[in-house]
Amino acid sequence: MLSGLKNTVCGLRTNRMLLQLIDRELDRYAEENRQRFDSNIKVLHMWDAETGMIDRWHNYCKKQMRDSFHMLDEKN
C-alpha cells in the first residue's frame, strides 16, 4: 500500500513539475516573440483553472494514450 501511495505522490509531483515547465516555456515564447504579435499577449497558463487549459491538457493526454487492453484466458 505504501508503494502505491509513493507512486501517487511522485506522479502528482511530476505532473506539477511538468505543468510548471509548460507555463515557463509559454512565458518565454511569449516574451521572445512579443514583437511578432499584438503587444497585449495573454498567456493561458495551466495553473489558472479559470482558463480551462488544464482540463484541455488532460483530455489531450487521455486521447494520446494507447490502450493495449486484451482479455486474458479468452476462449473462442
Protein backbone atom coordinates (compact mmCIF):
# COMPACT_ATOMS: atom_id res chain seq x y z
CA MET A 1 0.00 0.00 0.00
CA LEU A 2 2.79 2.43 0.80
CA SER A 3 4.43 1.86 -2.56
CA GLY A 4 1.14 2.78 -4.27
CA LEU A 5 0.94 5.94 -2.19
CA LYS A 6 4.54 6.77 -3.06
CA ASN A 7 3.80 6.32 -6.78
CA THR A 8 0.75 8.57 -6.49
CA VAL A 9 2.70 11.28 -4.70
CA CYS A 10 5.54 11.05 -7.22
CA GLY A 11 3.03 11.18 -10.04
CA LEU A 12 1.43 14.31 -8.62
CA ARG A 13 4.82 15.94 -8.13
CA THR A 14 5.86 15.00 -11.67
CA ASN A 15 2.59 16.35 -13.07
CA ARG A 16 3.01 19.63 -11.17
CA MET A 17 6.61 19.96 -12.38
CA LEU A 18 5.53 19.30 -15.96
CA LEU A 19 2.83 21.97 -15.78
CA GLN A 20 5.32 24.46 -14.32
CA LEU A 21 7.72 23.68 -17.16
CA ILE A 22 5.00 24.20 -19.78
CA ASP A 23 3.95 27.52 -18.22
CA ARG A 24 7.56 28.70 -18.06
CA GLU A 25 8.13 27.81 -21.72
CA LEU A 26 4.92 29.57 -22.75
CA ASP A 27 6.03 32.71 -20.91
CA ARG A 28 9.45 32.56 -22.52
CA TYR A 29 7.99 32.08 -26.01
CA ALA A 30 5.58 34.98 -25.49
CA GLU A 31 8.39 37.26 -24.32
CA GLU A 32 10.80 36.28 -27.11
CA ASN A 33 8.13 36.74 -29.80
CA ARG A 34 6.27 39.74 -28.38
CA GLN A 35 7.27 41.92 -31.36
CA ARG A 36 5.69 39.42 -33.80
CA PHE A 37 2.30 39.60 -32.14
CA ASP A 38 -0.02 42.19 -30.72
CA SER A 39 1.62 43.69 -27.63
CA ASN A 40 -1.32 42.57 -25.47
CA ILE A 41 -0.39 38.88 -25.35
CA LYS A 42 -2.27 36.88 -22.74
CA VAL A 43 -0.71 33.52 -21.96
CA LEU A 44 -3.28 30.94 -20.82
CA HIS A 45 -1.34 29.28 -18.02
CA MET A 46 -2.02 25.72 -16.94
CA TRP A 47 -2.17 26.66 -13.26
CA ASP A 48 -5.07 29.07 -13.84
CA ALA A 49 -8.19 26.92 -13.52
CA GLU A 50 -10.40 29.67 -14.95
CA THR A 51 -8.80 29.35 -18.39
CA GLY A 52 -9.72 25.66 -18.62
CA MET A 53 -6.31 24.86 -20.12
CA ILE A 54 -5.51 22.16 -17.55
CA ASP A 55 -8.70 20.29 -18.48
CA ARG A 56 -7.89 20.58 -22.18
CA TRP A 57 -4.36 19.29 -21.46
CA HIS A 58 -5.66 16.26 -19.54
CA ASN A 59 -8.16 15.47 -22.31
CA TYR A 60 -5.37 15.70 -24.89
CA CYS A 61 -3.20 13.32 -22.86
CA LYS A 62 -6.05 10.81 -22.50
CA LYS A 63 -6.63 10.80 -26.25
CA GLN A 64 -2.94 10.23 -26.95
CA MET A 65 -2.59 7.25 -24.62
CA ARG A 66 -2.76 3.91 -26.38
CA ASP A 67 -4.92 1.24 -24.86
CA SER A 68 -3.36 -2.22 -25.05
CA PHE A 69 -6.25 -3.97 -23.30
CA HIS A 70 -6.94 -7.57 -24.22
CA MET A 71 -8.81 -10.31 -22.42
CA LEU A 72 -6.70 -12.89 -20.66
CA ASP A 73 -7.70 -16.52 -20.97
CA GLU A 74 -10.32 -15.70 -23.53
CA LYS A 75 -11.89 -18.77 -25.13
CA ASN A 76 -13.12 -18.63 -28.69
